[in-house]
Structures are given as structure tokens and as C-alpha cells.
Amino acid sequence: MLAHIDRRSLTQFLVGLGLMSAGRASAQAKTVEVVMRPDMRPGAMSMFEPETVRIAVGDTVRWKNEAVLIHTATFDPAQAIKAVNVVLPAGVAAFGSADLLQDDTYSHTFTTAGSYKYVCKYHEEMGMIGTVVVG
């Protein structure tokens, strides 16, 4: 005869067996796409779209270059023209893409909560700055 098991006890049991993860037992990690493209506004040249994304810890952002121009997703203040345009949460090491040609992609999974500000190292001065908020 089986004993009655409530949902919390069952979840704890499954986590213990490694069949579910603790922090996100009922949620699946997702991938959000940011497109790099020419900006058609007068005086502008390129942009990240959307400029700001909000994701959960464990989610992935995938950048896709739809432009003919080479772009990057650079999370390294040492590579930025203005270091203040790249901001990382405390303890997070700099990272970023290589040069992305048209239709190339770059993905990064965010494992630390916080606000990440990044640039395209070639078009930062033209306003190609984006933000990833990880909660």
C-alpha cells in the first residue's frame, strides 16, 4: 500500500534523485535572441534589438548579426572605448564574442544575477550599447 505524498515532498524526493533541479524545479531555462542590425534612425548606424533584455539566472542570450557590418557583443571594459559603457556584476569575469559576420551568432548563458551592460566594440561611439538584466 502506497503512502500519501504531498507535492512538496515529491519534489524534494525527485530533486534528491537528481531528476529535477532545486532552484528551477518547474521552470525551463530559455534562450532570448538579440538581433544586431542597422539602425534606420537619422544619424544612427547600428543597434542591438531589443536594447535591454530581462532574463532569469540560467537563461541564455543569443546574439545574431543580421547586418552586413561586423559586430561584437563585448562584455569587457578593457575593450570598450569608455569603460563605463561595460558593467558586470561583482565577481563576474569579462567575456564576449569574436567578430560576428552577417548571419553569425554568439550565445552566452548567464549564471550570476545582476545587470550587465555591453557594447559592440566597433560601434560603441554610435550608440551600440545593450543591457542584460538577470534576476
N, C-alpha and C. Protein backbone atom coordinates (compact mmCIF):
# COMPACT_ATOMS: atom_id res chain seq x y z
N MET A 1 0.83 -1.17 0.00
CA MET A 1 0.00 0.00 0.00
C MET A 1 0.89 1.25 0.00
N LEU A 2 0.61 2.19 -0.88
CA LEU A 2 1.40 3.41 -1.01
C LEU A 2 0.92 4.46 -0.02
N ALA A 3 1.86 5.15 0.58
CA ALA A 3 1.53 6.26 1.48
C ALA A 3 1.24 7.49 0.65
N HIS A 4 0.43 8.37 1.19
CA HIS A 4 0.13 9.63 0.52
C HIS A 4 1.36 10.54 0.58
N ILE A 5 1.76 11.11 -0.55
CA ILE A 5 2.91 12.01 -0.63
C ILE A 5 2.41 13.34 -1.18
N ASP A 6 2.67 14.44 -0.44
CA ASP A 6 2.26 15.75 -0.95
C ASP A 6 3.25 16.22 -2.00
N ARG A 7 2.85 17.24 -2.73
CA ARG A 7 3.65 17.75 -3.86
C ARG A 7 5.04 18.20 -3.41
N ARG A 8 5.15 18.90 -2.28
CA ARG A 8 6.46 19.37 -1.79
C ARG A 8 7.39 18.19 -1.50
N SER A 9 6.88 17.18 -0.83
CA SER A 9 7.70 16.01 -0.51
C SER A 9 8.14 15.29 -1.77
N LEU A 10 7.23 15.18 -2.73
CA LEU A 10 7.58 14.53 -4.00
C LEU A 10 8.66 15.31 -4.73
N THR A 11 8.54 16.66 -4.76
CA THR A 11 9.54 17.49 -5.42
C THR A 11 10.90 17.32 -4.74
N GLN A 12 10.92 17.35 -3.40
CA GLN A 12 12.18 17.17 -2.67
C GLN A 12 12.78 15.80 -2.97
N PHE A 13 11.95 14.79 -3.07
CA PHE A 13 12.42 13.44 -3.38
C PHE A 13 13.05 13.40 -4.78
N LEU A 14 12.36 14.00 -5.76
CA LEU A 14 12.87 13.99 -7.13
C LEU A 14 14.16 14.81 -7.26
N VAL A 15 14.25 15.93 -6.53
CA VAL A 15 15.48 16.72 -6.53
C VAL A 15 16.61 15.88 -5.95
N GLY A 16 16.33 15.17 -4.88
CA GLY A 16 17.33 14.30 -4.25
C GLY A 16 17.83 13.22 -5.18
N LEU A 17 16.98 12.73 -6.04
CA LEU A 17 17.38 11.72 -7.02
C LEU A 17 18.08 12.32 -8.24
N GLY A 18 18.07 13.64 -8.33
CA GLY A 18 18.68 14.30 -9.47
C GLY A 18 17.78 14.35 -10.68
N LEU A 19 16.49 14.07 -10.49
CA LEU A 19 15.55 14.09 -11.61
C LEU A 19 14.96 15.48 -11.84
N MET A 20 15.15 16.38 -10.89
CA MET A 20 14.73 17.77 -11.01
C MET A 20 15.83 18.62 -10.42
N SER A 21 15.93 19.89 -10.86
CA SER A 21 16.90 20.79 -10.26
C SER A 21 16.22 21.60 -9.17
N ALA A 22 16.97 21.95 -8.15
CA ALA A 22 16.39 22.60 -6.98
C ALA A 22 15.81 23.97 -7.28
N GLY A 23 16.59 24.90 -7.78
CA GLY A 23 16.14 26.28 -7.94
C GLY A 23 15.07 26.48 -8.98
N ARG A 24 15.06 25.66 -10.00
CA ARG A 24 14.12 25.86 -11.10
C ARG A 24 13.40 24.56 -11.40
N ALA A 25 12.85 23.93 -10.36
CA ALA A 25 12.24 22.62 -10.50
C ALA A 25 11.13 22.61 -11.53
N SER A 26 10.34 23.68 -11.60
CA SER A 26 9.22 23.66 -12.52
C SER A 26 9.43 24.54 -13.74
N ALA A 27 10.54 25.28 -13.81
CA ALA A 27 10.78 26.18 -14.94
C ALA A 27 11.91 25.64 -15.81
N GLN A 28 11.80 25.90 -17.09
CA GLN A 28 12.84 25.51 -18.03
C GLN A 28 13.66 26.74 -18.38
N ALA A 29 14.96 26.56 -18.52
CA ALA A 29 15.81 27.65 -18.97
C ALA A 29 15.38 28.03 -20.38
N LYS A 30 15.49 29.31 -20.71
CA LYS A 30 15.08 29.75 -22.04
C LYS A 30 16.22 30.47 -22.73
N THR A 31 16.06 30.65 -24.03
CA THR A 31 17.00 31.41 -24.84
C THR A 31 16.28 32.62 -25.41
N VAL A 32 16.89 33.78 -25.24
CA VAL A 32 16.34 35.03 -25.76
C VAL A 32 17.27 35.51 -26.86
N GLU A 33 16.70 35.98 -27.97
CA GLU A 33 17.53 36.43 -29.09
C GLU A 33 17.62 37.95 -29.13
N VAL A 34 18.84 38.43 -29.36
CA VAL A 34 19.10 39.85 -29.59
C VAL A 34 19.66 39.95 -31.01
N VAL A 35 19.04 40.80 -31.81
CA VAL A 35 19.46 40.95 -33.20
C VAL A 35 20.35 42.19 -33.33
N MET A 36 21.42 42.03 -34.07
CA MET A 36 22.32 43.15 -34.39
C MET A 36 21.96 43.58 -35.80
N ARG A 37 21.58 44.84 -35.94
CA ARG A 37 21.15 45.29 -37.26
C ARG A 37 21.44 46.75 -37.47
N PRO A 38 21.35 47.17 -38.71
CA PRO A 38 21.49 48.60 -38.97
C PRO A 38 20.31 49.34 -38.34
N ASP A 39 20.56 50.53 -37.82
CA ASP A 39 19.52 51.37 -37.25
C ASP A 39 19.14 52.39 -38.31
N MET A 40 17.90 52.43 -38.65
CA MET A 40 17.44 53.31 -39.72
C MET A 40 17.11 54.72 -39.25
N ARG A 41 17.28 55.02 -37.95
CA ARG A 41 17.01 56.38 -37.48
C ARG A 41 18.06 57.33 -38.05
N PRO A 42 17.68 58.58 -38.36
CA PRO A 42 18.64 59.54 -38.89
C PRO A 42 19.84 59.71 -37.96
N GLY A 43 21.04 59.64 -38.50
CA GLY A 43 22.25 59.82 -37.73
C GLY A 43 22.74 58.59 -36.99
N ALA A 44 21.94 57.54 -36.95
CA ALA A 44 22.33 56.31 -36.25
C ALA A 44 22.81 55.30 -37.28
N MET A 45 23.55 54.29 -36.81
CA MET A 45 24.08 53.32 -37.75
C MET A 45 23.74 51.88 -37.39
N SER A 46 23.88 51.53 -36.13
CA SER A 46 23.68 50.14 -35.74
C SER A 46 23.03 50.07 -34.37
N MET A 47 22.45 48.90 -34.05
CA MET A 47 21.81 48.75 -32.75
C MET A 47 21.65 47.29 -32.36
N PHE A 48 21.44 47.08 -31.05
CA PHE A 48 21.02 45.79 -30.52
C PHE A 48 19.50 45.86 -30.36
N GLU A 49 18.80 44.83 -30.80
CA GLU A 49 17.34 44.84 -30.68
C GLU A 49 16.87 43.52 -30.10
N PRO A 50 16.25 43.52 -28.91
CA PRO A 50 15.99 44.68 -28.08
C PRO A 50 17.26 45.18 -27.40
N GLU A 51 17.24 46.44 -27.02
CA GLU A 51 18.39 47.06 -26.38
C GLU A 51 18.60 46.52 -24.96
N THR A 52 17.49 46.20 -24.30
CA THR A 52 17.54 45.63 -22.95
C THR A 52 16.74 44.34 -22.92
N VAL A 53 17.32 43.28 -22.36
CA VAL A 53 16.59 42.04 -22.15
C VAL A 53 16.61 41.70 -20.67
N ARG A 54 15.53 41.11 -20.20
CA ARG A 54 15.41 40.66 -18.80
C ARG A 54 15.23 39.15 -18.82
N ILE A 55 16.13 38.47 -18.11
CA ILE A 55 16.11 37.01 -18.10
C ILE A 55 16.31 36.50 -16.67
N ALA A 56 16.16 35.20 -16.50
CA ALA A 56 16.40 34.56 -15.21
C ALA A 56 17.80 33.94 -15.20
N VAL A 57 18.32 33.71 -14.00
CA VAL A 57 19.60 33.01 -13.87
C VAL A 57 19.47 31.65 -14.57
N GLY A 58 20.46 31.30 -15.38
CA GLY A 58 20.43 30.05 -16.13
C GLY A 58 19.92 30.18 -17.55
N ASP A 59 19.34 31.34 -17.89
CA ASP A 59 18.88 31.57 -19.26
C ASP A 59 20.06 31.96 -20.15
N THR A 60 19.84 31.83 -21.45
CA THR A 60 20.86 32.12 -22.45
C THR A 60 20.40 33.27 -23.33
N VAL A 61 21.34 34.13 -23.69
CA VAL A 61 21.07 35.16 -24.71
C VAL A 61 21.87 34.77 -25.94
N ARG A 62 21.21 34.85 -27.08
CA ARG A 62 21.84 34.52 -28.37
C ARG A 62 21.79 35.77 -29.23
N TRP A 63 22.96 36.27 -29.61
CA TRP A 63 23.06 37.43 -30.48
C TRP A 63 23.20 36.94 -31.92
N LYS A 64 22.45 37.56 -32.83
CA LYS A 64 22.55 37.22 -34.25
C LYS A 64 22.80 38.50 -35.04
N ASN A 65 23.87 38.47 -35.84
CA ASN A 65 24.20 39.64 -36.66
C ASN A 65 23.44 39.54 -37.98
N GLU A 66 22.46 40.42 -38.14
CA GLU A 66 21.71 40.47 -39.40
C GLU A 66 22.24 41.55 -40.33
N ALA A 67 23.27 42.26 -39.89
CA ALA A 67 23.83 43.36 -40.67
C ALA A 67 24.99 42.89 -41.54
N VAL A 68 25.30 43.66 -42.56
CA VAL A 68 26.46 43.40 -43.40
C VAL A 68 27.73 43.77 -42.63
N LEU A 69 27.63 44.73 -41.71
CA LEU A 69 28.77 45.17 -40.91
C LEU A 69 29.17 44.11 -39.89
N ILE A 70 30.45 44.07 -39.52
CA ILE A 70 30.92 43.20 -38.45
C ILE A 70 30.50 43.81 -37.12
N HIS A 71 29.98 42.97 -36.20
CA HIS A 71 29.59 43.41 -34.87
C HIS A 71 30.19 42.49 -33.83
N THR A 72 30.14 42.93 -32.56
CA THR A 72 30.52 42.09 -31.42
C THR A 72 29.51 42.33 -30.29
N ALA A 73 29.48 41.40 -29.36
CA ALA A 73 28.80 41.58 -28.07
C ALA A 73 29.93 41.50 -27.05
N THR A 74 30.42 42.67 -26.61
CA THR A 74 31.63 42.76 -25.79
C THR A 74 31.29 43.13 -24.36
N PHE A 75 31.59 42.22 -23.44
CA PHE A 75 31.36 42.42 -22.01
C PHE A 75 32.72 42.57 -21.32
N ASP A 76 33.59 43.35 -21.90
CA ASP A 76 34.94 43.54 -21.37
C ASP A 76 35.26 45.03 -21.36
N PRO A 77 35.31 45.65 -20.16
CA PRO A 77 35.58 47.09 -20.09
C PRO A 77 36.90 47.47 -20.74
N ALA A 78 37.88 46.57 -20.74
CA ALA A 78 39.19 46.87 -21.33
C ALA A 78 39.11 47.02 -22.85
N GLN A 79 38.07 46.48 -23.48
CA GLN A 79 37.91 46.58 -24.93
C GLN A 79 36.97 47.71 -25.34
N ALA A 80 36.33 48.34 -24.36
CA ALA A 80 35.39 49.42 -24.65
C ALA A 80 36.15 50.74 -24.80
N ILE A 81 35.59 51.63 -25.61
CA ILE A 81 36.16 52.97 -25.75
C ILE A 81 36.01 53.71 -24.42
N LYS A 82 34.84 53.58 -23.81
CA LYS A 82 34.58 54.14 -22.48
C LYS A 82 34.24 52.96 -21.56
N ALA A 83 35.12 52.71 -20.62
CA ALA A 83 34.94 51.56 -19.72
C ALA A 83 33.60 51.59 -18.99
N VAL A 84 33.04 52.79 -18.76
CA VAL A 84 31.75 52.89 -18.06
C VAL A 84 30.60 52.33 -18.88
N ASN A 85 30.82 52.10 -20.18
CA ASN A 85 29.77 51.52 -21.02
C ASN A 85 29.66 50.01 -20.88
N VAL A 86 30.62 49.39 -20.17
CA VAL A 86 30.56 47.95 -19.91
C VAL A 86 30.56 47.76 -18.40
N VAL A 87 29.49 47.16 -17.89
CA VAL A 87 29.34 46.94 -16.45
C VAL A 87 28.98 45.49 -16.22
N LEU A 88 29.68 44.88 -15.25
CA LEU A 88 29.42 43.48 -14.89
C LEU A 88 29.15 43.39 -13.39
N PRO A 89 28.35 42.42 -12.96
CA PRO A 89 28.18 42.22 -11.52
C PRO A 89 29.51 41.85 -10.87
N ALA A 90 29.66 42.14 -9.60
CA ALA A 90 30.88 41.83 -8.86
C ALA A 90 31.22 40.36 -8.99
N GLY A 91 32.49 40.09 -9.28
CA GLY A 91 32.97 38.72 -9.36
C GLY A 91 32.82 38.05 -10.72
N VAL A 92 32.16 38.71 -11.67
CA VAL A 92 31.97 38.13 -13.00
C VAL A 92 33.14 38.55 -13.89
N ALA A 93 33.79 37.57 -14.50
CA ALA A 93 34.92 37.83 -15.40
C ALA A 93 34.42 38.36 -16.74
N ALA A 94 35.23 39.19 -17.37
CA ALA A 94 34.89 39.72 -18.69
C ALA A 94 34.74 38.59 -19.70
N PHE A 95 33.87 38.79 -20.68
CA PHE A 95 33.65 37.79 -21.72
C PHE A 95 33.09 38.50 -22.95
N GLY A 96 32.90 37.78 -24.03
CA GLY A 96 32.30 38.38 -25.21
C GLY A 96 32.54 37.57 -26.45
N SER A 97 31.92 38.01 -27.50
CA SER A 97 32.01 37.30 -28.78
C SER A 97 33.28 37.68 -29.52
N ALA A 98 33.62 36.87 -30.48
CA ALA A 98 34.60 37.24 -31.51
C ALA A 98 33.86 38.13 -32.50
N ASP A 99 34.53 38.54 -33.56
CA ASP A 99 33.85 39.29 -34.62
C ASP A 99 32.76 38.42 -35.22
N LEU A 100 31.58 39.01 -35.37
CA LEU A 100 30.44 38.30 -35.95
C LEU A 100 30.14 38.88 -37.33
N LEU A 101 30.28 38.04 -38.35
CA LEU A 101 29.93 38.43 -39.71
C LEU A 101 28.42 38.28 -39.88
N GLN A 102 27.90 38.71 -41.00
CA GLN A 102 26.47 38.60 -41.26
C GLN A 102 26.01 37.15 -41.08
N ASP A 103 24.93 36.97 -40.33
CA ASP A 103 24.29 35.68 -40.01
C ASP A 103 25.03 34.86 -38.96
N ASP A 104 26.19 35.34 -38.46
CA ASP A 104 26.87 34.64 -37.36
C ASP A 104 26.10 34.86 -36.06
N THR A 105 26.29 33.93 -35.12
CA THR A 105 25.65 34.05 -33.82
C THR A 105 26.67 33.83 -32.70
N TYR A 106 26.32 34.31 -31.53
CA TYR A 106 27.10 34.10 -30.31
C TYR A 106 26.10 33.92 -29.17
N SER A 107 26.33 32.93 -28.33
CA SER A 107 25.43 32.67 -27.20
C SER A 107 26.21 32.67 -25.90
N HIS A 108 25.54 33.13 -24.85
CA HIS A 108 26.13 33.11 -23.50
C HIS A 108 25.03 32.79 -22.50
N THR A 109 25.29 31.85 -21.60
CA THR A 109 24.37 31.51 -20.53
C THR A 109 24.78 32.28 -19.28
N PHE A 110 23.84 33.00 -18.70
CA PHE A 110 24.10 33.86 -17.55
C PHE A 110 23.81 33.09 -16.25
N THR A 111 24.84 32.95 -15.43
CA THR A 111 24.73 32.16 -14.20
C THR A 111 24.79 33.02 -12.94
N THR A 112 24.97 34.33 -13.08
CA THR A 112 25.04 35.23 -11.95
C THR A 112 24.02 36.35 -12.13
N ALA A 113 23.20 36.58 -11.11
CA ALA A 113 22.21 37.65 -11.16
C ALA A 113 22.90 39.02 -11.17
N GLY A 114 22.25 39.98 -11.78
CA GLY A 114 22.76 41.34 -11.80
C GLY A 114 22.51 42.01 -13.13
N SER A 115 23.05 43.21 -13.27
CA SER A 115 22.90 43.98 -14.51
C SER A 115 24.22 43.96 -15.28
N TYR A 116 24.13 43.61 -16.54
CA TYR A 116 25.29 43.52 -17.43
C TYR A 116 25.09 44.55 -18.54
N LYS A 117 26.03 45.46 -18.70
CA LYS A 117 25.98 46.43 -19.79
C LYS A 117 27.11 46.08 -20.75
N TYR A 118 26.83 46.10 -22.05
CA TYR A 118 27.81 45.66 -23.05
C TYR A 118 27.76 46.54 -24.29
N VAL A 119 28.75 46.37 -25.15
CA VAL A 119 28.87 47.20 -26.36
C VAL A 119 29.25 46.33 -27.56
N CYS A 120 29.06 46.91 -28.73
CA CYS A 120 29.74 46.43 -29.93
C CYS A 120 31.02 47.25 -29.97
N LYS A 121 32.16 46.59 -29.90
CA LYS A 121 33.42 47.36 -29.80
C LYS A 121 33.71 48.20 -31.04
N TYR A 122 33.05 47.92 -32.15
CA TYR A 122 33.25 48.70 -33.36
C TYR A 122 32.28 49.88 -33.48
N HIS A 123 31.14 49.80 -32.80
CA HIS A 123 30.10 50.81 -32.99
C HIS A 123 29.60 51.41 -31.68
N GLU A 124 30.40 51.27 -30.63
CA GLU A 124 30.04 51.83 -29.33
C GLU A 124 29.78 53.34 -29.42
N GLU A 125 30.65 54.06 -30.12
CA GLU A 125 30.50 55.52 -30.23
C GLU A 125 29.26 55.92 -31.00
N MET A 126 28.68 54.99 -31.73
CA MET A 126 27.44 55.25 -32.46
C MET A 126 26.23 54.83 -31.65
N GLY A 127 26.45 54.48 -30.39
CA GLY A 127 25.34 54.13 -29.51
C GLY A 127 24.97 52.68 -29.45
N MET A 128 25.82 51.81 -29.96
CA MET A 128 25.51 50.38 -29.95
C MET A 128 25.90 49.80 -28.59
N ILE A 129 24.99 50.01 -27.64
CA ILE A 129 25.18 49.60 -26.25
C ILE A 129 23.92 48.86 -25.82
N GLY A 130 24.08 47.75 -25.14
CA GLY A 130 22.93 46.98 -24.70
C GLY A 130 23.03 46.61 -23.23
N THR A 131 21.94 46.08 -22.70
CA THR A 131 21.89 45.69 -21.29
C THR A 131 21.18 44.35 -21.16
N VAL A 132 21.73 43.48 -20.31
CA VAL A 132 21.08 42.23 -19.93
C VAL A 132 20.86 42.30 -18.43
N VAL A 133 19.62 42.17 -18.00
CA VAL A 133 19.28 42.18 -16.58
C VAL A 133 18.92 40.75 -16.20
N VAL A 134 19.69 40.17 -15.27
CA VAL A 134 19.49 38.79 -14.87
C VAL A 134 18.94 38.79 -13.45
N GLY A 135 17.75 38.22 -13.29
CA GLY A 135 17.11 38.21 -11.97
C GLY A 135 16.82 36.84 -11.46
